[in-house]
Amino acid sequence: MDIIHVQHPLSSIYTAEAEPCELALGFFDGVHLGHQELINLAKRIAKQQDLKLAVMTFFPHPKQIIENDQKPQTYITPLEQKAKLMQDLGVDTLIV
């Protein structure tokens, strides 16, 4: 699984034409059964369309960026564990 870490502002490497994919977008903290079902649905669609499956998640939590919340954030699933779970679910590319 490829992992792409994106930061603002985007560099030209991220804005170049990318390969089409099926994308599941969310924070996915906990990667619970509902998250897994969403990712599996995207995986089925990707397979039907002969596309790679990508998942985009966020780190740190979007609230810390949008609200400039500097309080320490706790996560149900640390990013490294989340990446492993995504790989186990068959994700081709994880975008953080």
Protein backbone atom coordinates (compact mmCIF):
# COMPACT_ATOMS: atom_id res chain seq x y z
CA MET A 1 0.00 0.00 0.00
CA ASP A 2 1.27 3.45 -0.88
CA ILE A 3 0.92 6.17 1.74
CA ILE A 4 0.87 9.79 0.58
CA HIS A 5 1.24 12.55 3.17
CA VAL A 6 -0.24 15.82 1.91
CA GLN A 7 0.26 19.22 3.55
CA HIS A 8 -0.99 22.70 2.78
CA PRO A 9 -0.04 24.39 0.53
CA LEU A 10 0.02 21.63 -2.05
CA SER A 11 3.20 21.26 -4.02
CA SER A 12 3.12 20.58 -7.75
CA ILE A 13 3.86 16.90 -7.08
CA TYR A 14 0.32 16.53 -5.70
CA THR A 15 -1.42 18.71 -8.25
CA ALA A 16 -0.04 16.83 -11.27
CA GLU A 17 -2.49 14.62 -13.14
CA ALA A 18 -3.18 11.58 -10.99
CA GLU A 19 -4.35 8.11 -11.88
CA PRO A 20 -8.14 7.72 -11.56
CA CYS A 21 -9.27 5.87 -8.44
CA GLU A 22 -12.28 5.17 -6.26
CA LEU A 23 -11.89 7.33 -3.13
CA ALA A 24 -13.41 6.84 0.31
CA LEU A 25 -13.07 10.04 2.34
CA GLY A 26 -13.36 10.32 6.09
CA PHE A 27 -11.54 10.60 9.38
CA PHE A 28 -12.09 6.88 10.09
CA ASP A 29 -11.04 7.01 13.74
CA GLY A 30 -11.61 3.54 15.14
CA VAL A 31 -12.08 1.99 11.69
CA HIS A 32 -15.29 0.49 13.10
CA LEU A 33 -17.73 -1.77 11.24
CA GLY A 34 -19.49 1.18 9.59
CA HIS A 35 -16.17 2.52 8.31
CA GLN A 36 -15.22 -0.94 7.08
CA GLU A 37 -18.51 -1.28 5.20
CA LEU A 38 -17.96 2.10 3.49
CA ILE A 39 -14.42 1.11 2.50
CA ASN A 40 -15.60 -2.31 1.29
CA LEU A 41 -18.31 -0.62 -0.81
CA ALA A 42 -15.67 1.64 -2.37
CA LYS A 43 -13.53 -1.45 -2.95
CA ARG A 44 -16.38 -3.21 -4.79
CA ILE A 45 -16.97 -0.14 -6.95
CA ALA A 46 -13.24 0.14 -7.66
CA LYS A 47 -13.14 -3.49 -8.75
CA GLN A 48 -16.20 -3.04 -11.00
CA GLN A 49 -14.62 0.02 -12.61
CA ASP A 50 -11.11 -1.52 -12.76
CA LEU A 51 -9.73 1.27 -10.57
CA LYS A 52 -7.42 1.39 -7.59
CA LEU A 53 -8.94 1.96 -4.15
CA ALA A 54 -7.78 5.05 -2.27
CA VAL A 55 -8.78 6.19 1.19
CA MET A 56 -8.22 9.76 2.38
CA THR A 57 -8.04 10.36 6.10
CA PHE A 58 -6.74 13.21 8.21
CA PHE A 59 -4.00 13.80 10.74
CA PRO A 60 -4.21 15.74 12.92
CA HIS A 61 -7.95 15.83 13.50
CA PRO A 62 -9.58 18.44 11.20
CA LYS A 63 -10.97 20.25 14.27
CA GLN A 64 -7.42 21.13 15.28
CA ILE A 65 -6.86 22.84 11.94
CA ILE A 66 -10.25 24.43 11.31
CA GLU A 67 -10.86 25.64 14.87
CA ASN A 68 -7.16 26.11 15.67
CA ASP A 69 -7.79 23.82 18.65
CA GLN A 70 -4.45 23.34 20.40
CA LYS A 71 -5.74 20.96 23.08
CA PRO A 72 -4.08 17.54 22.91
CA GLN A 73 -6.21 15.25 20.77
CA THR A 74 -6.69 11.60 21.63
CA TYR A 75 -7.36 9.07 18.92
CA ILE A 76 -9.12 5.72 19.09
CA THR A 77 -6.79 4.42 16.39
CA PRO A 78 -3.27 5.89 16.08
CA LEU A 79 -2.27 6.71 12.51
CA GLU A 80 0.18 3.80 12.19
CA GLN A 81 -2.46 1.31 13.33
CA LYS A 82 -5.03 2.94 11.03
CA ALA A 83 -2.62 2.49 8.09
CA LYS A 84 -2.23 -1.20 8.94
CA LEU A 85 -6.01 -1.67 9.14
CA MET A 86 -6.42 0.06 5.76
CA GLN A 87 -3.82 -2.22 4.24
CA ASP A 88 -5.63 -5.25 5.69
CA LEU A 89 -8.85 -3.97 4.08
CA GLY A 90 -7.16 -3.94 0.65
CA VAL A 91 -6.62 -0.21 0.24
CA ASP A 92 -4.12 0.55 -2.56
CA THR A 93 -3.35 4.14 -1.56
CA LEU A 94 -3.79 5.89 1.77
CA ILE A 95 -3.79 9.68 1.56
CA VAL A 96 -3.21 11.47 4.86
